[in-house]
Amino acid sequence: MKTVFGLGIATLVGLAGAYAFSPRDIPPLQETRIPVQRMQINGIAQTRAGLVAAGELGHILVSDDGGKRWSDARLAIDRQALITRLVFADDANGVAVGHEGWILRTGDGGATWSEAAFDGSDGEPLMDAARLPSGTWLAVGAFGRVLRSADDGRSWERHEIPNLGDRHLNGIAASADRKHWLIVGESGLAMRSSDGGEHWTTVQPFYDGSLYGAISVDASTWIAYGMRGSVFRSTDGGANWARLNVPAPVSFYSAALAPDGELLLAGQGGIVLASRNGGASFSQIGKDDQENLTGILVRSDGSVLLGSDGGLRARALAAPTAPVSSLPTRQEAS
């Protein structure tokens, strides 16, 4: 009897093992999901190499199929420092800036990157960069740090802009004609240039909190955004500013213009605001969980990619955010 019982148990165990390891049909991932790691994404760009995303621990990922599959870009040196911004001057040439004064440069749309600057001992975070009409690059960051490159981003040196002090610089932005520029930062700092970034003047203070970025809507209209729902509008090229009432009292970290002229602001708590009247007023078009939205890219088909501290998300304008799939590890992605 015991022998028969033992054989029965052994048979059940064997059948369970066979079932556990038997092949199964796995439902395909939804097409709206973007297979990118659930990591902090601060920069998103569309280039000749495809979609490029960057952020946590120096990750730069590239997708050549619209975001279905991602692979690691080739980095000459991997410092594993947080990348805060991706900036492309055209569809081939761009820079990535980040913590510890790290600057990477690409000439092939982001598939490969070379190191242009790094300061592990005194490298304050760099927060943004831009290529001026002269061809000179500027990078701005913490404690009033400004770096300049006269050789298309290959080498960088300290650059002084009068009256900056040691306030953190969070963003640098250009008008559509690239003649007018703004630098914004800590303690309501706003600096204005009307000659392509060659000379800068301090804007009369209009806010005492941090500004995280600015965007040009048209030849004379600017929007600056920052802490706790602080959004400001200028209709005279950035000389004078008025505070706007917005429907969400959260911090905003990124902005973009859609092809049809719709202005988008994205920020804390997954909030996205939209304006169809040049930034005169905003309405809320989305909220997604608790992620902080740190980057935004409007694609040619009108869809939106949002970088956040919880991964990369896809959204159709005025529609709920698409869920993000489980993602491969960095090694699996490469």
C-alpha atoms as a PDB file:
ATOM      1  CA  MET A   1       0.000   0.000   0.000  1.00  0.00           C
ATOM      2  CA  LYS A   2       2.756   2.414   0.907  1.00  0.00           C
ATOM      3  CA  THR A   3       4.505   1.567  -2.361  1.00  0.00           C
ATOM      4  CA  VAL A   4       1.397   2.360  -4.397  1.00  0.00           C
ATOM      5  CA  PHE A   5       0.860   5.640  -2.488  1.00  0.00           C
ATOM      6  CA  GLY A   6       4.506   6.646  -3.031  1.00  0.00           C
ATOM      7  CA  LEU A   7       4.274   5.920  -6.743  1.00  0.00           C
ATOM      8  CA  GLY A   8       1.142   8.048  -6.946  1.00  0.00           C
ATOM      9  CA  ILE A   9       2.845  11.007  -5.278  1.00  0.00           C
ATOM     10  CA  ALA A  10       5.873  10.652  -7.540  1.00  0.00           C
ATOM     11  CA  THR A  11       3.601  10.612 -10.597  1.00  0.00           C
ATOM     12  CA  LEU A  12       1.813  13.782  -9.476  1.00  0.00           C
ATOM     13  CA  VAL A  13       5.145  15.558  -8.872  1.00  0.00           C
ATOM     14  CA  GLY A  14       6.369  14.520 -12.288  1.00  0.00           C
ATOM     15  CA  LEU A  15       3.204  15.740 -14.007  1.00  0.00           C
ATOM     16  CA  ALA A  16       3.401  19.072 -12.143  1.00  0.00           C
ATOM     17  CA  GLY A  17       7.023  19.518 -13.210  1.00  0.00           C
ATOM     18  CA  ALA A  18       6.180  18.696 -16.817  1.00  0.00           C
ATOM     19  CA  TYR A  19       3.359  21.260 -16.776  1.00  0.00           C
ATOM     20  CA  ALA A  20       5.540  23.926 -15.180  1.00  0.00           C
ATOM     21  CA  PHE A  21       8.162  23.669 -17.905  1.00  0.00           C
ATOM     22  CA  SER A  22       5.818  23.046 -20.822  1.00  0.00           C
ATOM     23  CA  PRO A  23       5.638  25.733 -23.572  1.00  0.00           C
ATOM     24  CA  ARG A  24       2.803  28.255 -23.347  1.00  0.00           C
ATOM     25  CA  ASP A  25       1.367  30.880 -25.621  1.00  0.00           C
ATOM     26  CA  ILE A  26       2.232  34.322 -24.184  1.00  0.00           C
ATOM     27  CA  PRO A  27      -0.075  37.192 -25.170  1.00  0.00           C
ATOM     28  CA  PRO A  28       1.806  39.882 -27.136  1.00  0.00           C
ATOM     29  CA  LEU A  29       2.469  43.250 -25.485  1.00  0.00           C
ATOM     30  CA  GLN A  30       0.024  45.957 -26.387  1.00  0.00           C
ATOM     31  CA  GLU A  31       1.304  48.063 -29.278  1.00  0.00           C
ATOM     32  CA  THR A  32       0.837  51.269 -27.269  1.00  0.00           C
ATOM     33  CA  ARG A  33       3.412  50.192 -24.697  1.00  0.00           C
ATOM     34  CA  ILE A  34       6.959  51.421 -24.942  1.00  0.00           C
ATOM     35  CA  PRO A  35       9.553  48.819 -23.912  1.00  0.00           C
ATOM     36  CA  VAL A  36      11.926  51.164 -22.088  1.00  0.00           C
ATOM     37  CA  GLN A  37      13.248  50.596 -18.577  1.00  0.00           C
ATOM     38  CA  ARG A  38      11.333  51.985 -15.672  1.00  0.00           C
ATOM     39  CA  MET A  39      14.049  54.466 -14.879  1.00  0.00           C
ATOM     40  CA  GLN A  40      14.191  58.210 -14.666  1.00  0.00           C
ATOM     41  CA  ILE A  41      14.053  59.736 -18.148  1.00  0.00           C
ATOM     42  CA  ASN A  42      14.967  63.422 -18.363  1.00  0.00           C
ATOM     43  CA  GLY A  43      15.567  63.888 -22.075  1.00  0.00           C
ATOM     44  CA  ILE A  44      13.783  62.691 -25.227  1.00  0.00           C
ATOM     45  CA  ALA A  45      14.630  63.575 -28.822  1.00  0.00           C
ATOM     46  CA  GLN A  46      13.822  62.506 -32.389  1.00  0.00           C
ATOM     47  CA  THR A  47      16.919  62.327 -34.610  1.00  0.00           C
ATOM     48  CA  ARG A  48      18.249  60.586 -37.696  1.00  0.00           C
ATOM     49  CA  ALA A  49      19.062  57.594 -35.468  1.00  0.00           C
ATOM     50  CA  GLY A  50      15.449  57.384 -34.254  1.00  0.00           C
ATOM     51  CA  LEU A  51      14.140  58.101 -30.782  1.00  0.00           C
ATOM     52  CA  VAL A  52      16.759  58.895 -28.142  1.00  0.00           C
ATOM     53  CA  ALA A  53      16.059  58.881 -24.386  1.00  0.00           C
ATOM     54  CA  ALA A  54      18.450  59.543 -21.498  1.00  0.00           C
ATOM     55  CA  GLY A  55      18.524  59.918 -17.738  1.00  0.00           C
ATOM     56  CA  GLU A  56      19.270  57.706 -14.760  1.00  0.00           C
ATOM     57  CA  LEU A  57      22.859  56.489 -14.209  1.00  0.00           C
ATOM     58  CA  GLY A  58      24.003  57.855 -17.554  1.00  0.00           C
ATOM     59  CA  HIS A  59      21.715  55.624 -19.610  1.00  0.00           C
ATOM     60  CA  ILE A  60      21.225  56.700 -23.221  1.00  0.00           C
ATOM     61  CA  LEU A  61      18.843  54.480 -25.173  1.00  0.00           C
ATOM     62  CA  VAL A  62      18.018  54.512 -28.884  1.00  0.00           C
ATOM     63  CA  SER A  63      15.027  53.107 -30.776  1.00  0.00           C
ATOM     64  CA  ASP A  64      14.976  52.902 -34.571  1.00  0.00           C
ATOM     65  CA  ASP A  65      11.433  51.486 -34.794  1.00  0.00           C
ATOM     66  CA  GLY A  66       9.376  54.203 -33.159  1.00  0.00           C
ATOM     67  CA  GLY A  67       9.855  53.011 -29.594  1.00  0.00           C
ATOM     68  CA  LYS A  68       8.962  49.313 -29.873  1.00  0.00           C
ATOM     69  CA  ARG A  69      12.491  48.144 -29.086  1.00  0.00           C
ATOM     70  CA  TRP A  70      15.376  49.974 -27.453  1.00  0.00           C
ATOM     71  CA  SER A  71      19.116  49.404 -27.282  1.00  0.00           C
ATOM     72  CA  ASP A  72      21.967  51.126 -25.485  1.00  0.00           C
ATOM     73  CA  ALA A  73      23.791  53.860 -27.327  1.00  0.00           C
ATOM     74  CA  ARG A  74      27.557  53.388 -27.571  1.00  0.00           C
ATOM     75  CA  LEU A  75      29.341  55.520 -24.962  1.00  0.00           C
ATOM     76  CA  ALA A  76      33.105  55.924 -25.078  1.00  0.00           C
ATOM     77  CA  ILE A  77      33.111  56.302 -21.266  1.00  0.00           C
ATOM     78  CA  ASP A  78      30.237  55.434 -18.934  1.00  0.00           C
ATOM     79  CA  ARG A  79      30.388  57.606 -15.802  1.00  0.00           C
ATOM     80  CA  GLN A  80      26.946  56.490 -14.559  1.00  0.00           C
ATOM     81  CA  ALA A  81      26.108  60.096 -13.691  1.00  0.00           C
ATOM     82  CA  LEU A  82      22.543  61.336 -14.054  1.00  0.00           C
ATOM     83  CA  ILE A  83      21.883  62.941 -17.440  1.00  0.00           C
ATOM     84  CA  THR A  84      19.645  65.963 -17.008  1.00  0.00           C
ATOM     85  CA  ARG A  85      19.087  67.073 -20.603  1.00  0.00           C
ATOM     86  CA  LEU A  86      19.460  66.026 -24.234  1.00  0.00           C
ATOM     87  CA  VAL A  87      19.882  68.869 -26.738  1.00  0.00           C
ATOM     88  CA  PHE A  88      20.187  68.478 -30.514  1.00  0.00           C
ATOM     89  CA  ALA A  89      21.143  71.327 -32.820  1.00  0.00           C
ATOM     90  CA  ASP A  90      19.950  69.297 -35.824  1.00  0.00           C
ATOM     91  CA  ASP A  91      19.105  65.659 -36.514  1.00  0.00           C
ATOM     92  CA  ALA A  92      22.757  64.601 -36.166  1.00  0.00           C
ATOM     93  CA  ASN A  93      24.650  66.874 -33.768  1.00  0.00           C
ATOM     94  CA  GLY A  94      23.814  67.111 -30.103  1.00  0.00           C
ATOM     95  CA  VAL A  95      25.007  67.014 -26.513  1.00  0.00           C
ATOM     96  CA  ALA A  96      23.902  65.346 -23.288  1.00  0.00           C
ATOM     97  CA  VAL A  97      24.637  67.186 -20.026  1.00  0.00           C
ATOM     98  CA  GLY A  98      24.424  65.974 -16.468  1.00  0.00           C
ATOM     99  CA  HIS A  99      25.799  65.702 -12.971  1.00  0.00           C
ATOM    100  CA  GLU A 100      29.515  66.084 -12.204  1.00  0.00           C
ATOM    101  CA  GLY A 101      29.870  68.479 -15.113  1.00  0.00           C
ATOM    102  CA  TRP A 102      29.444  65.575 -17.522  1.00  0.00           C
ATOM    103  CA  ILE A 103      29.024  66.467 -21.196  1.00  0.00           C
ATOM    104  CA  LEU A 104      28.732  63.937 -24.001  1.00  0.00           C
ATOM    105  CA  ARG A 105      28.718  64.738 -27.699  1.00  0.00           C
ATOM    106  CA  THR A 106      27.232  62.931 -30.706  1.00  0.00           C
ATOM    107  CA  GLY A 107      27.489  63.505 -34.443  1.00  0.00           C
ATOM    108  CA  ASP A 108      25.318  60.626 -35.639  1.00  0.00           C
ATOM    109  CA  GLY A 109      21.976  61.394 -34.045  1.00  0.00           C
ATOM    110  CA  GLY A 110      22.725  59.741 -30.722  1.00  0.00           C
ATOM    111  CA  ALA A 111      23.826  56.236 -31.687  1.00  0.00           C
ATOM    112  CA  THR A 112      27.374  56.892 -30.432  1.00  0.00           C
ATOM    113  CA  TRP A 113      28.684  59.407 -27.887  1.00  0.00           C
ATOM    114  CA  SER A 114      32.121  60.722 -26.967  1.00  0.00           C
ATOM    115  CA  GLU A 115      33.000  62.425 -23.700  1.00  0.00           C
ATOM    116  CA  ALA A 116      33.657  66.146 -23.992  1.00  0.00           C
ATOM    117  CA  ALA A 117      33.858  67.169 -20.310  1.00  0.00           C
ATOM    118  CA  PHE A 118      33.751  65.647 -16.822  1.00  0.00           C
ATOM    119  CA  ASP A 119      34.709  66.977 -13.391  1.00  0.00           C
ATOM    120  CA  GLY A 120      34.449  64.343 -10.705  1.00  0.00           C
ATOM    121  CA  SER A 121      35.973  66.567  -8.010  1.00  0.00           C
ATOM    122  CA  ASP A 122      34.083  69.845  -8.470  1.00  0.00           C
ATOM    123  CA  GLY A 123      31.532  69.003 -11.121  1.00  0.00           C
ATOM    124  CA  GLU A 124      28.299  70.709 -10.212  1.00  0.00           C
ATOM    125  CA  PRO A 125      25.248  69.510 -12.158  1.00  0.00           C
ATOM    126  CA  LEU A 126      24.680  70.955 -15.602  1.00  0.00           C
ATOM    127  CA  MET A 127      20.996  71.472 -16.326  1.00  0.00           C
ATOM    128  CA  ASP A 128      20.672  72.596 -19.944  1.00  0.00           C
ATOM    129  CA  ALA A 129      22.600  73.504 -23.093  1.00  0.00           C
ATOM    130  CA  ALA A 130      22.069  75.206 -26.437  1.00  0.00           C
ATOM    131  CA  ARG A 131      23.914  75.955 -29.654  1.00  0.00           C
ATOM    132  CA  LEU A 132      23.789  79.663 -30.437  1.00  0.00           C
ATOM    133  CA  PRO A 133      23.437  81.036 -33.992  1.00  0.00           C
ATOM    134  CA  SER A 134      27.188  81.712 -33.997  1.00  0.00           C
ATOM    135  CA  GLY A 135      27.833  77.975 -33.633  1.00  0.00           C
ATOM    136  CA  THR A 136      29.035  78.388 -30.036  1.00  0.00           C
ATOM    137  CA  TRP A 137      27.522  76.035 -27.464  1.00  0.00           C
ATOM    138  CA  LEU A 138      26.588  77.143 -23.941  1.00  0.00           C
ATOM    139  CA  ALA A 139      25.872  74.802 -21.029  1.00  0.00           C
ATOM    140  CA  VAL A 140      24.370  76.142 -17.790  1.00  0.00           C
ATOM    141  CA  GLY A 141      23.993  74.621 -14.353  1.00  0.00           C
ATOM    142  CA  ALA A 142      24.267  74.876 -10.593  1.00  0.00           C
ATOM    143  CA  PHE A 143      25.823  77.825  -8.747  1.00  0.00           C
ATOM    144  CA  GLY A 144      25.931  80.049 -11.807  1.00  0.00           C
ATOM    145  CA  ARG A 145      28.141  77.697 -13.787  1.00  0.00           C
ATOM    146  CA  VAL A 146      28.317  78.420 -17.504  1.00  0.00           C
ATOM    147  CA  LEU A 147      30.520  76.450 -19.899  1.00  0.00           C
ATOM    148  CA  ARG A 148      31.301  77.434 -23.472  1.00  0.00           C
ATOM    149  CA  SER A 149      32.410  75.448 -26.510  1.00  0.00           C
ATOM    150  CA  ALA A 150      33.709  77.076 -29.691  1.00  0.00           C
ATOM    151  CA  ASP A 151      34.443  73.785 -31.507  1.00  0.00           C
ATOM    152  CA  ASP A 152      30.938  72.339 -31.789  1.00  0.00           C
ATOM    153  CA  GLY A 153      30.944  70.714 -28.384  1.00  0.00           C
ATOM    154  CA  ARG A 154      34.276  68.898 -28.561  1.00  0.00           C
ATOM    155  CA  SER A 155      35.902  70.875 -25.729  1.00  0.00           C
ATOM    156  CA  TRP A 156      34.533  73.218 -23.065  1.00  0.00           C
ATOM    157  CA  GLU A 157      35.788  76.068 -20.888  1.00  0.00           C
ATOM    158  CA  ARG A 158      34.346  78.245 -18.137  1.00  0.00           C
ATOM    159  CA  HIS A 159      32.462  81.278 -19.394  1.00  0.00           C
ATOM    160  CA  GLU A 160      31.404  84.334 -17.429  1.00  0.00           C
ATOM    161  CA  ILE A 161      28.066  86.083 -17.876  1.00  0.00           C
ATOM    162  CA  PRO A 162      27.870  89.274 -15.782  1.00  0.00           C
ATOM    163  CA  ASN A 163      25.398  89.534 -12.887  1.00  0.00           C
ATOM    164  CA  LEU A 164      24.659  85.811 -12.601  1.00  0.00           C
ATOM    165  CA  GLY A 165      26.116  85.357  -9.145  1.00  0.00           C
ATOM    166  CA  ASP A 166      25.957  81.822  -7.782  1.00  0.00           C
ATOM    167  CA  ARG A 167      22.301  81.126  -8.447  1.00  0.00           C
ATOM    168  CA  HIS A 168      21.352  77.825 -10.062  1.00  0.00           C
ATOM    169  CA  LEU A 169      20.651  78.053 -13.797  1.00  0.00           C
ATOM    170  CA  ASN A 170      17.945  75.635 -14.881  1.00  0.00           C
ATOM    171  CA  GLY A 171      17.153  76.407 -18.495  1.00  0.00           C
ATOM    172  CA  ILE A 172      18.221  78.200 -21.665  1.00  0.00           C
ATOM    173  CA  ALA A 173      15.739  78.741 -24.488  1.00  0.00           C
ATOM    174  CA  ALA A 174      15.537  80.430 -27.896  1.00  0.00           C
ATOM    175  CA  SER A 175      12.845  82.112 -29.947  1.00  0.00           C
ATOM    176  CA  ALA A 176      11.893  80.543 -33.274  1.00  0.00           C
ATOM    177  CA  ASP A 177      14.221  82.884 -35.188  1.00  0.00           C
ATOM    178  CA  ARG A 178      16.993  82.065 -32.658  1.00  0.00           C
ATOM    179  CA  LYS A 179      17.760  85.742 -32.224  1.00  0.00           C
ATOM    180  CA  HIS A 180      16.126  86.131 -28.800  1.00  0.00           C
ATOM    181  CA  TRP A 181      17.177  83.992 -25.837  1.00  0.00           C
ATOM    182  CA  LEU A 182      16.346  83.497 -22.160  1.00  0.00           C
ATOM    183  CA  ILE A 183      18.243  81.914 -19.276  1.00  0.00           C
ATOM    184  CA  VAL A 184      16.102  81.176 -16.198  1.00  0.00           C
ATOM    185  CA  GLY A 185      16.968  79.842 -12.781  1.00  0.00           C
ATOM    186  CA  GLU A 186      16.885  80.113  -9.024  1.00  0.00           C
ATOM    187  CA  SER A 187      15.284  83.032  -7.131  1.00  0.00           C
ATOM    188  CA  GLY A 188      13.313  84.120 -10.190  1.00  0.00           C
ATOM    189  CA  LEU A 189      16.437  84.772 -12.220  1.00  0.00           C
ATOM    190  CA  ALA A 190      15.754  85.614 -15.867  1.00  0.00           C
ATOM    191  CA  MET A 191      18.394  86.881 -18.274  1.00  0.00           C
ATOM    192  CA  ARG A 192      17.609  88.061 -21.779  1.00  0.00           C
ATOM    193  CA  SER A 193      19.578  88.331 -25.005  1.00  0.00           C
ATOM    194  CA  SER A 194      18.468  90.018 -28.219  1.00  0.00           C
ATOM    195  CA  ASP A 195      21.601  89.316 -30.257  1.00  0.00           C
ATOM    196  CA  GLY A 196      21.742  85.544 -30.495  1.00  0.00           C
ATOM    197  CA  GLY A 197      23.158  84.981 -27.017  1.00  0.00           C
ATOM    198  CA  GLU A 198      26.236  87.164 -27.424  1.00  0.00           C
ATOM    199  CA  HIS A 199      25.267  89.612 -24.665  1.00  0.00           C
ATOM    200  CA  TRP A 200      22.875  89.222 -21.734  1.00  0.00           C
ATOM    201  CA  THR A 201      20.884  91.623 -19.548  1.00  0.00           C
ATOM    202  CA  THR A 202      19.051  90.858 -16.304  1.00  0.00           C
ATOM    203  CA  VAL A 203      15.268  91.053 -16.472  1.00  0.00           C
ATOM    204  CA  GLN A 204      13.598  93.077 -13.730  1.00  0.00           C
ATOM    205  CA  PRO A 205      12.661  90.476 -11.056  1.00  0.00           C
ATOM    206  CA  PHE A 206       9.045  89.296 -11.301  1.00  0.00           C
ATOM    207  CA  TYR A 207       9.188  86.191  -9.070  1.00  0.00           C
ATOM    208  CA  ASP A 208      11.209  85.087  -6.041  1.00  0.00           C
ATOM    209  CA  GLY A 209      11.048  81.301  -6.524  1.00  0.00           C
ATOM    210  CA  SER A 210      12.836  78.932  -8.881  1.00  0.00           C
ATOM    211  CA  LEU A 211      12.084  78.957 -12.597  1.00  0.00           C
ATOM    212  CA  TYR A 212      12.724  75.582 -14.231  1.00  0.00           C
ATOM    213  CA  GLY A 213      12.381  76.513 -17.881  1.00  0.00           C
ATOM    214  CA  ALA A 214      11.010  78.800 -20.575  1.00  0.00           C
ATOM    215  CA  ILE A 215       9.602  78.426 -24.075  1.00  0.00           C
ATOM    216  CA  SER A 216       9.020  80.876 -26.923  1.00  0.00           C
ATOM    217  CA  VAL A 217       5.489  80.733 -28.353  1.00  0.00           C
ATOM    218  CA  ASP A 218       5.947  83.275 -31.157  1.00  0.00           C
ATOM    219  CA  ALA A 219       8.135  86.255 -32.057  1.00  0.00           C
ATOM    220  CA  SER A 220       7.180  88.224 -28.933  1.00  0.00           C
ATOM    221  CA  THR A 221       5.491  85.760 -26.560  1.00  0.00           C
ATOM    222  CA  TRP A 222       7.299  83.741 -23.913  1.00  0.00           C
ATOM    223  CA  ILE A 223       6.150  81.395 -21.152  1.00  0.00           C
ATOM    224  CA  ALA A 224       8.329  80.763 -18.079  1.00  0.00           C
ATOM    225  CA  TYR A 225       7.410  78.057 -15.559  1.00  0.00           C
ATOM    226  CA  GLY A 226       8.593  76.906 -12.167  1.00  0.00           C
ATOM    227  CA  MET A 227       7.571  75.977  -8.629  1.00  0.00           C
ATOM    228  CA  ARG A 228       4.062  75.323  -7.280  1.00  0.00           C
ATOM    229  CA  GLY A 229       2.012  76.380 -10.293  1.00  0.00           C
ATOM    230  CA  SER A 230       4.126  79.449 -11.016  1.00  0.00           C
ATOM    231  CA  VAL A 231       3.649  80.173 -14.720  1.00  0.00           C
ATOM    232  CA  PHE A 232       4.386  83.559 -16.257  1.00  0.00           C
ATOM    233  CA  ARG A 233       3.758  85.107 -19.693  1.00  0.00           C
ATOM    234  CA  SER A 234       5.513  87.886 -21.572  1.00  0.00           C
ATOM    235  CA  THR A 235       4.167  89.473 -24.762  1.00  0.00           C
ATOM    236  CA  ASP A 236       7.054  91.888 -25.326  1.00  0.00           C
ATOM    237  CA  GLY A 237       9.973  89.555 -25.887  1.00  0.00           C
ATOM    238  CA  GLY A 238      10.661  88.839 -22.221  1.00  0.00           C
ATOM    239  CA  ALA A 239      10.986  92.370 -20.904  1.00  0.00           C
ATOM    240  CA  ASN A 240       7.828  92.321 -18.752  1.00  0.00           C
ATOM    241  CA  TRP A 241       5.951  89.392 -17.255  1.00  0.00           C
ATOM    242  CA  ALA A 242       2.501  88.632 -15.849  1.00  0.00           C
ATOM    243  CA  ARG A 243       1.567  85.693 -13.660  1.00  0.00           C
ATOM    244  CA  LEU A 244      -1.040  83.268 -15.029  1.00  0.00           C
ATOM    245  CA  ASN A 245      -3.713  81.380 -13.134  1.00  0.00           C
ATOM    246  CA  VAL A 246      -3.311  77.696 -13.980  1.00  0.00           C
ATOM    247  CA  PRO A 247      -5.615  74.821 -12.965  1.00  0.00           C
ATOM    248  CA  ALA A 248      -2.947  72.830 -11.104  1.00  0.00           C
ATOM    249  CA  PRO A 249      -0.718  74.307  -8.339  1.00  0.00           C
ATOM    250  CA  VAL A 250       2.197  71.972  -9.068  1.00  0.00           C
ATOM    251  CA  SER A 251       5.760  72.487 -10.241  1.00  0.00           C
ATOM    252  CA  PHE A 252       6.332  72.318 -14.001  1.00  0.00           C
ATOM    253  CA  TYR A 253       9.552  70.933 -15.444  1.00  0.00           C
ATOM    254  CA  SER A 254       9.110  70.735 -19.222  1.00  0.00           C
ATOM    255  CA  ALA A 255       7.282  72.348 -22.145  1.00  0.00           C
ATOM    256  CA  ALA A 256       6.771  71.781 -25.863  1.00  0.00           C
ATOM    257  CA  LEU A 257       4.885  73.169 -28.855  1.00  0.00           C
ATOM    258  CA  ALA A 258       2.778  70.799 -30.951  1.00  0.00           C
ATOM    259  CA  PRO A 259       2.768  71.145 -34.775  1.00  0.00           C
ATOM    260  CA  ASP A 260      -0.662  72.797 -34.612  1.00  0.00           C
ATOM    261  CA  GLY A 261       0.606  75.433 -32.165  1.00  0.00           C
ATOM    262  CA  GLU A 262      -0.794  73.862 -28.995  1.00  0.00           C
ATOM    263  CA  LEU A 263       1.465  74.585 -26.026  1.00  0.00           C
ATOM    264  CA  LEU A 264       2.021  71.833 -23.463  1.00  0.00           C
ATOM    265  CA  LEU A 265       3.377  72.062 -19.920  1.00  0.00           C
ATOM    266  CA  ALA A 266       4.242  68.908 -17.966  1.00  0.00           C
ATOM    267  CA  GLY A 267       5.249  68.509 -14.356  1.00  0.00           C
ATOM    268  CA  GLN A 268       4.697  67.203 -10.872  1.00  0.00           C
ATOM    269  CA  GLY A 269       2.215  64.411 -10.254  1.00  0.00           C
ATOM    270  CA  GLY A 270       1.901  63.554 -13.943  1.00  0.00           C
ATOM    271  CA  ILE A 271       0.026  66.785 -14.673  1.00  0.00           C
ATOM    272  CA  VAL A 272      -0.120  68.006 -18.290  1.00  0.00           C
ATOM    273  CA  LEU A 273      -1.595  71.406 -19.174  1.00  0.00           C
ATOM    274  CA  ALA A 274      -2.443  72.661 -22.660  1.00  0.00           C
ATOM    275  CA  SER A 275      -2.999  76.074 -24.195  1.00  0.00           C
ATOM    276  CA  ARG A 276      -4.451  76.869 -27.623  1.00  0.00           C
ATOM    277  CA  ASN A 277      -4.259  80.651 -27.286  1.00  0.00           C
ATOM    278  CA  GLY A 278      -0.543  81.252 -27.084  1.00  0.00           C
ATOM    279  CA  GLY A 279      -0.279  80.610 -23.380  1.00  0.00           C
ATOM    280  CA  ALA A 280      -2.911  83.149 -22.343  1.00  0.00           C
ATOM    281  CA  SER A 281      -4.782  80.373 -20.512  1.00  0.00           C
ATOM    282  CA  PHE A 282      -4.298  76.672 -19.796  1.00  0.00           C
ATOM    283  CA  SER A 283      -6.526  73.656 -19.218  1.00  0.00           C
ATOM    284  CA  GLN A 284      -5.570  70.330 -17.704  1.00  0.00           C
ATOM    285  CA  ILE A 285      -5.604  67.472 -20.221  1.00  0.00           C
ATOM    286  CA  GLY A 286      -4.024  64.699 -18.221  1.00  0.00           C
ATOM    287  CA  LYS A 287      -2.847  63.337 -14.910  1.00  0.00           C
ATOM    288  CA  ASP A 288      -0.941  60.071 -14.578  1.00  0.00           C
ATOM    289  CA  ASP A 289      -0.367  58.535 -11.155  1.00  0.00           C
ATOM    290  CA  GLN A 290       2.360  60.236  -9.132  1.00  0.00           C
ATOM    291  CA  GLU A 291       5.278  60.451 -11.555  1.00  0.00           C
ATOM    292  CA  ASN A 292       7.053  63.754 -12.078  1.00  0.00           C
ATOM    293  CA  LEU A 293       7.182  64.510 -15.799  1.00  0.00           C
ATOM    294  CA  THR A 294      10.663  65.766 -16.654  1.00  0.00           C
ATOM    295  CA  GLY A 295      10.745  65.675 -20.460  1.00  0.00           C
ATOM    296  CA  ILE A 296       8.292  65.981 -23.327  1.00  0.00           C
ATOM    297  CA  LEU A 297       8.488  65.307 -27.063  1.00  0.00           C
ATOM    298  CA  VAL A 298       5.655  65.952 -29.523  1.00  0.00           C
ATOM    299  CA  ARG A 299       6.009  63.620 -32.503  1.00  0.00           C
ATOM    300  CA  SER A 300       5.037  64.337 -36.092  1.00  0.00           C
ATOM    301  CA  ASP A 301       1.888  62.206 -35.793  1.00  0.00           C
ATOM    302  CA  GLY A 302       0.662  64.332 -32.882  1.00  0.00           C
ATOM    303  CA  SER A 303       1.371  61.753 -30.186  1.00  0.00           C
ATOM    304  CA  VAL A 304       3.400  62.738 -27.135  1.00  0.00           C
ATOM    305  CA  LEU A 305       6.253  60.999 -25.318  1.00  0.00           C
ATOM    306  CA  LEU A 306       6.706  61.961 -21.685  1.00  0.00           C
ATOM    307  CA  GLY A 307       9.846  61.308 -19.675  1.00  0.00           C
ATOM    308  CA  SER A 308       9.387  60.897 -15.940  1.00  0.00           C
ATOM    309  CA  ASP A 309      11.023  59.624 -12.788  1.00  0.00           C
ATOM    310  CA  GLY A 310       8.988  56.455 -13.309  1.00  0.00           C
ATOM    311  CA  GLY A 311       9.792  55.690 -16.954  1.00  0.00           C
ATOM    312  CA  LEU A 312       8.764  56.726 -20.451  1.00  0.00           C
ATOM    313  CA  ARG A 313       5.082  57.102 -21.346  1.00  0.00           C
ATOM    314  CA  ALA A 314       3.123  57.576 -24.555  1.00  0.00           C
ATOM    315  CA  ARG A 315       0.084  59.782 -24.741  1.00  0.00           C
ATOM    316  CA  ALA A 316      -2.327  60.988 -27.380  1.00  0.00           C
ATOM    317  CA  LEU A 317      -3.271  64.617 -26.842  1.00  0.00           C
ATOM    318  CA  ALA A 318      -6.308  64.972 -24.580  1.00  0.00           C
ATOM    319  CA  ALA A 319      -6.289  61.194 -23.933  1.00  0.00           C
ATOM    320  CA  PRO A 320      -5.211  59.064 -20.947  1.00  0.00           C
ATOM    321  CA  THR A 321      -1.572  58.075 -20.681  1.00  0.00           C
ATOM    322  CA  ALA A 322      -0.757  54.654 -22.140  1.00  0.00           C
ATOM    323  CA  PRO A 323       0.716  52.202 -19.620  1.00  0.00           C
ATOM    324  CA  VAL A 324       4.379  51.323 -19.837  1.00  0.00           C
ATOM    325  CA  SER A 325       5.354  47.702 -20.198  1.00  0.00           C
ATOM    326  CA  SER A 326       7.773  45.800 -18.035  1.00  0.00           C
ATOM    327  CA  LEU A 327      11.205  46.512 -19.362  1.00  0.00           C
ATOM    328  CA  PRO A 328      14.400  44.593 -20.020  1.00  0.00           C
ATOM    329  CA  THR A 329      17.477  45.197 -17.930  1.00  0.00           C
ATOM    330  CA  ARG A 330      20.230  47.320 -19.398  1.00  0.00           C
ATOM    331  CA  GLN A 331      22.153  44.192 -20.375  1.00  0.00           C
ATOM    332  CA  GLU A 332      19.086  42.646 -22.022  1.00  0.00           C
ATOM    333  CA  ALA A 333      18.361  45.856 -23.934  1.00  0.00           C
ATOM    334  CA  SER A 334      21.817  45.844 -25.468  1.00  0.00           C
END
